[in-house]
Amino acid sequence: MAVQFVGLNAVEPLDADRIKDIAARYAAKLQRMAKDEILLVVDLKAHNKAGKRSKYTFRLALRAPTKTIEASAFDWEITRAFRMACKALERETEHKLHSDEHRDRHRKKY
């Protein structure tokens, strides 16, 4: 289980530490769901850095040997945006893995 960050140096160190902690927890959860070695890629983009507030966009990719699953989310608060992206990736992972198991289980054997 590895986590790769892209664009994390564009935010403050306190926010970066929070993102790293949340990413470690979700990476462990996704590792259990995938039942295989994974790479979690976290891509952060901050919009409107010159103004009073910034909007943050997260694109997450779960790379396993067999599949790549992606999800994204955006918000004005960095931790909320990251948690939304993690939840979306978790739902997408459940969906992808459940559909494969379901399909194989009900396939006729000739």
N, C-alpha and C. Protein backbone atom coordinates (compact mmCIF):
# COMPACT_ATOMS: atom_id res chain seq x y z
N MET A 1 0.84 -1.16 0.00
CA MET A 1 0.00 0.00 0.00
C MET A 1 0.89 1.23 0.00
N ALA A 2 0.75 2.03 -1.03
CA ALA A 2 1.53 3.25 -1.14
C ALA A 2 0.61 4.40 -1.52
N VAL A 3 0.96 5.59 -1.06
CA VAL A 3 0.20 6.78 -1.38
C VAL A 3 1.13 7.77 -2.05
N GLN A 4 0.73 8.26 -3.21
CA GLN A 4 1.53 9.22 -3.96
C GLN A 4 0.75 10.53 -4.03
N PHE A 5 1.39 11.64 -3.66
CA PHE A 5 0.74 12.95 -3.65
C PHE A 5 1.28 13.81 -4.78
N VAL A 6 0.36 14.50 -5.46
CA VAL A 6 0.73 15.43 -6.52
C VAL A 6 0.09 16.77 -6.18
N GLY A 7 0.88 17.83 -6.12
CA GLY A 7 0.36 19.16 -5.86
C GLY A 7 0.12 19.47 -4.40
N LEU A 8 0.64 18.67 -3.50
CA LEU A 8 0.41 18.89 -2.08
C LEU A 8 1.24 20.04 -1.53
N ASN A 9 2.31 20.40 -2.23
CA ASN A 9 3.15 21.50 -1.76
C ASN A 9 2.50 22.87 -2.00
N ALA A 10 1.35 22.92 -2.66
CA ALA A 10 0.66 24.18 -2.92
C ALA A 10 -0.19 24.62 -1.74
N VAL A 11 -0.32 23.79 -0.71
CA VAL A 11 -1.15 24.14 0.45
C VAL A 11 -0.27 24.31 1.68
N GLU A 12 -0.87 24.81 2.74
CA GLU A 12 -0.12 25.04 3.97
C GLU A 12 0.26 23.71 4.63
N PRO A 13 1.36 23.69 5.39
CA PRO A 13 1.82 22.44 6.00
C PRO A 13 0.80 21.78 6.93
N LEU A 14 0.01 22.56 7.66
CA LEU A 14 -1.00 21.99 8.55
C LEU A 14 -2.06 21.24 7.73
N ASP A 15 -2.50 21.84 6.63
CA ASP A 15 -3.47 21.17 5.76
C ASP A 15 -2.87 19.94 5.11
N ALA A 16 -1.60 20.02 4.73
CA ALA A 16 -0.93 18.88 4.11
C ALA A 16 -0.85 17.71 5.09
N ASP A 17 -0.57 17.99 6.36
CA ASP A 17 -0.52 16.93 7.38
C ASP A 17 -1.89 16.29 7.57
N ARG A 18 -2.94 17.11 7.58
CA ARG A 18 -4.30 16.56 7.70
C ARG A 18 -4.63 15.64 6.52
N ILE A 19 -4.28 16.08 5.33
CA ILE A 19 -4.55 15.29 4.13
C ILE A 19 -3.79 13.97 4.19
N LYS A 20 -2.54 14.01 4.63
CA LYS A 20 -1.74 12.78 4.73
C LYS A 20 -2.34 11.80 5.73
N ASP A 21 -2.83 12.31 6.87
CA ASP A 21 -3.45 11.44 7.88
C ASP A 21 -4.72 10.78 7.34
N ILE A 22 -5.57 11.58 6.71
CA ILE A 22 -6.82 11.04 6.16
C ILE A 22 -6.51 10.04 5.05
N ALA A 23 -5.52 10.35 4.21
CA ALA A 23 -5.15 9.45 3.12
C ALA A 23 -4.65 8.12 3.63
N ALA A 24 -3.89 8.13 4.71
CA ALA A 24 -3.38 6.87 5.28
C ALA A 24 -4.53 6.00 5.76
N ARG A 25 -5.54 6.61 6.41
CA ARG A 25 -6.68 5.83 6.89
C ARG A 25 -7.49 5.24 5.74
N TYR A 26 -7.76 6.07 4.73
CA TYR A 26 -8.55 5.57 3.60
C TYR A 26 -7.76 4.58 2.76
N ALA A 27 -6.45 4.73 2.66
CA ALA A 27 -5.64 3.78 1.90
C ALA A 27 -5.68 2.40 2.55
N ALA A 28 -5.65 2.37 3.89
CA ALA A 28 -5.74 1.08 4.58
C ALA A 28 -7.11 0.44 4.33
N LYS A 29 -8.16 1.24 4.35
CA LYS A 29 -9.50 0.72 4.11
C LYS A 29 -9.64 0.21 2.68
N LEU A 30 -9.11 0.95 1.72
CA LEU A 30 -9.19 0.53 0.31
C LEU A 30 -8.33 -0.70 0.06
N GLN A 31 -7.22 -0.82 0.79
CA GLN A 31 -6.36 -2.00 0.67
C GLN A 31 -7.13 -3.25 1.07
N ARG A 32 -7.91 -3.16 2.16
CA ARG A 32 -8.70 -4.30 2.60
C ARG A 32 -9.79 -4.64 1.58
N MET A 33 -10.38 -3.61 0.98
CA MET A 33 -11.44 -3.84 0.00
C MET A 33 -10.89 -4.49 -1.27
N ALA A 34 -9.72 -4.03 -1.72
CA ALA A 34 -9.16 -4.51 -2.98
C ALA A 34 -8.53 -5.89 -2.84
N LYS A 35 -8.09 -6.25 -1.64
CA LYS A 35 -7.44 -7.55 -1.39
C LYS A 35 -6.24 -7.78 -2.29
N ASP A 36 -5.57 -6.70 -2.65
CA ASP A 36 -4.39 -6.78 -3.50
C ASP A 36 -3.53 -5.55 -3.21
N GLU A 37 -2.31 -5.54 -3.68
CA GLU A 37 -1.44 -4.39 -3.48
C GLU A 37 -1.94 -3.23 -4.32
N ILE A 38 -2.05 -2.04 -3.71
CA ILE A 38 -2.60 -0.89 -4.41
C ILE A 38 -1.66 0.30 -4.33
N LEU A 39 -1.89 1.25 -5.22
CA LEU A 39 -1.24 2.55 -5.20
C LEU A 39 -2.35 3.59 -5.24
N LEU A 40 -2.41 4.45 -4.24
CA LEU A 40 -3.40 5.51 -4.20
C LEU A 40 -2.72 6.80 -4.63
N VAL A 41 -3.18 7.39 -5.72
CA VAL A 41 -2.62 8.63 -6.24
C VAL A 41 -3.58 9.76 -5.89
N VAL A 42 -3.09 10.76 -5.16
CA VAL A 42 -3.88 11.91 -4.73
C VAL A 42 -3.38 13.12 -5.49
N ASP A 43 -4.23 13.69 -6.35
CA ASP A 43 -3.87 14.85 -7.16
C ASP A 43 -4.69 16.04 -6.66
N LEU A 44 -4.02 17.07 -6.16
CA LEU A 44 -4.67 18.25 -5.60
C LEU A 44 -4.43 19.44 -6.49
N LYS A 45 -5.50 20.21 -6.74
CA LYS A 45 -5.36 21.45 -7.48
C LYS A 45 -6.11 22.53 -6.73
N ALA A 46 -5.44 23.64 -6.46
CA ALA A 46 -6.05 24.78 -5.78
C ALA A 46 -6.36 25.84 -6.82
N HIS A 47 -7.62 26.29 -6.87
CA HIS A 47 -8.05 27.30 -7.81
C HIS A 47 -8.16 28.64 -7.09
N ASN A 48 -7.94 29.74 -7.81
CA ASN A 48 -8.10 31.10 -7.28
C ASN A 48 -7.22 31.33 -6.06
N LYS A 49 -5.93 31.09 -6.21
CA LYS A 49 -5.01 31.23 -5.09
C LYS A 49 -4.78 32.69 -4.71
N ALA A 50 -5.05 33.64 -5.60
CA ALA A 50 -4.76 35.05 -5.33
C ALA A 50 -5.87 35.72 -4.53
N GLY A 51 -7.07 35.17 -4.52
CA GLY A 51 -8.20 35.79 -3.83
C GLY A 51 -8.22 35.45 -2.34
N LYS A 52 -9.36 35.77 -1.71
CA LYS A 52 -9.50 35.50 -0.29
C LYS A 52 -9.67 34.01 -0.01
N ARG A 53 -10.43 33.33 -0.86
CA ARG A 53 -10.69 31.91 -0.67
C ARG A 53 -10.19 31.14 -1.88
N SER A 54 -9.89 29.88 -1.65
CA SER A 54 -9.47 28.99 -2.74
C SER A 54 -10.43 27.82 -2.82
N LYS A 55 -10.69 27.39 -4.03
CA LYS A 55 -11.47 26.17 -4.22
C LYS A 55 -10.47 25.06 -4.49
N TYR A 56 -10.71 23.89 -3.88
CA TYR A 56 -9.79 22.77 -3.99
C TYR A 56 -10.46 21.63 -4.75
N THR A 57 -9.72 21.06 -5.68
CA THR A 57 -10.19 19.92 -6.45
C THR A 57 -9.25 18.76 -6.21
N PHE A 58 -9.84 17.62 -5.84
CA PHE A 58 -9.06 16.40 -5.64
C PHE A 58 -9.46 15.38 -6.69
N ARG A 59 -8.47 14.77 -7.31
CA ARG A 59 -8.69 13.63 -8.21
C ARG A 59 -7.92 12.47 -7.61
N LEU A 60 -8.63 11.41 -7.28
CA LEU A 60 -8.01 10.23 -6.68
C LEU A 60 -8.04 9.09 -7.67
N ALA A 61 -6.98 8.32 -7.69
CA ALA A 61 -6.91 7.13 -8.53
C ALA A 61 -6.39 5.97 -7.69
N LEU A 62 -7.12 4.89 -7.73
CA LEU A 62 -6.72 3.66 -7.06
C LEU A 62 -6.19 2.73 -8.13
N ARG A 63 -4.89 2.47 -8.08
CA ARG A 63 -4.27 1.63 -9.10
C ARG A 63 -3.92 0.29 -8.50
N ALA A 64 -4.60 -0.72 -9.01
CA ALA A 64 -4.35 -2.11 -8.62
C ALA A 64 -3.78 -2.82 -9.84
N PRO A 65 -3.23 -4.02 -9.69
CA PRO A 65 -2.68 -4.73 -10.85
C PRO A 65 -3.72 -5.02 -11.93
N THR A 66 -4.98 -5.15 -11.55
CA THR A 66 -5.99 -5.50 -12.55
C THR A 66 -6.81 -4.31 -13.03
N LYS A 67 -6.99 -3.28 -12.20
CA LYS A 67 -7.87 -2.17 -12.53
C LYS A 67 -7.32 -0.85 -12.06
N THR A 68 -7.86 0.22 -12.64
CA THR A 68 -7.66 1.57 -12.14
C THR A 68 -9.03 2.18 -11.92
N ILE A 69 -9.27 2.66 -10.71
CA ILE A 69 -10.56 3.24 -10.34
C ILE A 69 -10.30 4.70 -9.97
N GLU A 70 -11.12 5.61 -10.50
CA GLU A 70 -10.91 7.03 -10.29
C GLU A 70 -12.15 7.70 -9.72
N ALA A 71 -11.92 8.77 -8.96
CA ALA A 71 -13.01 9.58 -8.42
C ALA A 71 -12.47 10.99 -8.19
N SER A 72 -13.38 11.96 -8.15
CA SER A 72 -12.96 13.34 -7.90
C SER A 72 -14.04 14.08 -7.13
N ALA A 73 -13.63 15.18 -6.50
CA ALA A 73 -14.55 16.04 -5.76
C ALA A 73 -13.90 17.40 -5.60
N PHE A 74 -14.74 18.42 -5.36
CA PHE A 74 -14.22 19.77 -5.13
C PHE A 74 -15.06 20.46 -4.07
N ASP A 75 -14.43 21.40 -3.36
CA ASP A 75 -15.13 22.17 -2.34
C ASP A 75 -14.25 23.36 -1.97
N TRP A 76 -14.81 24.27 -1.18
CA TRP A 76 -14.06 25.43 -0.72
C TRP A 76 -13.22 25.11 0.50
N GLU A 77 -13.54 24.04 1.20
CA GLU A 77 -12.77 23.63 2.37
C GLU A 77 -11.96 22.39 1.99
N ILE A 78 -10.68 22.41 2.29
CA ILE A 78 -9.77 21.38 1.76
C ILE A 78 -10.06 19.99 2.34
N THR A 79 -10.30 19.90 3.65
CA THR A 79 -10.52 18.57 4.23
C THR A 79 -11.87 18.00 3.79
N ARG A 80 -12.87 18.85 3.67
CA ARG A 80 -14.18 18.38 3.21
C ARG A 80 -14.09 17.87 1.78
N ALA A 81 -13.37 18.58 0.93
CA ALA A 81 -13.20 18.14 -0.46
C ALA A 81 -12.49 16.80 -0.53
N PHE A 82 -11.46 16.62 0.31
CA PHE A 82 -10.71 15.38 0.28
C PHE A 82 -11.55 14.21 0.78
N ARG A 83 -12.31 14.43 1.86
CA ARG A 83 -13.17 13.37 2.37
C ARG A 83 -14.25 12.99 1.36
N MET A 84 -14.80 13.99 0.66
CA MET A 84 -15.81 13.71 -0.37
C MET A 84 -15.20 12.86 -1.49
N ALA A 85 -13.99 13.18 -1.90
CA ALA A 85 -13.32 12.40 -2.95
C ALA A 85 -13.03 10.99 -2.47
N CYS A 86 -12.62 10.84 -1.21
CA CYS A 86 -12.34 9.51 -0.66
C CYS A 86 -13.61 8.67 -0.58
N LYS A 87 -14.71 9.27 -0.14
CA LYS A 87 -15.99 8.55 -0.08
C LYS A 87 -16.42 8.12 -1.48
N ALA A 88 -16.25 9.00 -2.46
CA ALA A 88 -16.62 8.67 -3.84
C ALA A 88 -15.77 7.51 -4.36
N LEU A 89 -14.47 7.53 -4.05
CA LEU A 89 -13.60 6.44 -4.48
C LEU A 89 -13.97 5.14 -3.78
N GLU A 90 -14.34 5.22 -2.52
CA GLU A 90 -14.76 4.03 -1.79
C GLU A 90 -16.04 3.43 -2.40
N ARG A 91 -17.02 4.28 -2.72
CA ARG A 91 -18.26 3.79 -3.34
C ARG A 91 -17.97 3.19 -4.71
N GLU A 92 -17.11 3.83 -5.48
CA GLU A 92 -16.78 3.33 -6.81
C GLU A 92 -16.05 1.98 -6.71
N THR A 93 -15.17 1.84 -5.72
CA THR A 93 -14.45 0.58 -5.52
C THR A 93 -15.42 -0.53 -5.14
N GLU A 94 -16.35 -0.23 -4.23
CA GLU A 94 -17.35 -1.23 -3.87
C GLU A 94 -18.16 -1.65 -5.09
N HIS A 95 -18.54 -0.67 -5.88
CA HIS A 95 -19.35 -0.96 -7.06
C HIS A 95 -18.59 -1.82 -8.06
N LYS A 96 -17.36 -1.45 -8.35
CA LYS A 96 -16.58 -2.19 -9.34
C LYS A 96 -16.28 -3.61 -8.86
N LEU A 97 -15.90 -3.75 -7.61
CA LEU A 97 -15.53 -5.08 -7.12
C LEU A 97 -16.76 -5.95 -6.91
N HIS A 98 -17.86 -5.38 -6.47
CA HIS A 98 -19.08 -6.16 -6.27
C HIS A 98 -19.64 -6.65 -7.60
N SER A 99 -19.63 -5.81 -8.62
CA SER A 99 -20.18 -6.22 -9.91
C SER A 99 -19.36 -7.36 -10.51
N ASP A 100 -18.06 -7.35 -10.32
CA ASP A 100 -17.23 -8.44 -10.85
C ASP A 100 -17.52 -9.74 -10.12
N GLU A 101 -17.61 -9.70 -8.80
CA GLU A 101 -17.88 -10.91 -8.04
C GLU A 101 -19.28 -11.43 -8.35
N HIS A 102 -20.22 -10.54 -8.46
CA HIS A 102 -21.59 -10.93 -8.74
C HIS A 102 -21.69 -11.59 -10.11
N ARG A 103 -21.03 -11.03 -11.08
CA ARG A 103 -21.07 -11.57 -12.44
C ARG A 103 -20.45 -12.96 -12.49
N ASP A 104 -19.32 -13.15 -11.84
CA ASP A 104 -18.66 -14.45 -11.86
C ASP A 104 -19.44 -15.51 -11.09
N ARG A 105 -20.09 -15.12 -10.04
CA ARG A 105 -20.81 -16.08 -9.22
C ARG A 105 -22.02 -16.65 -9.93
N HIS A 106 -22.67 -15.85 -10.79
CA HIS A 106 -23.88 -16.30 -11.45
C HIS A 106 -23.65 -16.75 -12.91
N ARG A 107 -22.41 -16.79 -13.30
CA ARG A 107 -22.11 -17.24 -14.65
C ARG A 107 -22.26 -18.75 -14.74
N LYS A 108 -22.86 -19.22 -15.79
CA LYS A 108 -23.05 -20.67 -15.96
C LYS A 108 -21.73 -21.33 -16.31
N LYS A 109 -21.54 -22.48 -15.77
CA LYS A 109 -20.34 -23.26 -16.07
C LYS A 109 -20.72 -24.34 -17.07
N TYR A 110 -20.06 -24.38 -18.19
CA TYR A 110 -20.38 -25.36 -19.23
C TYR A 110 -19.43 -26.51 -19.22
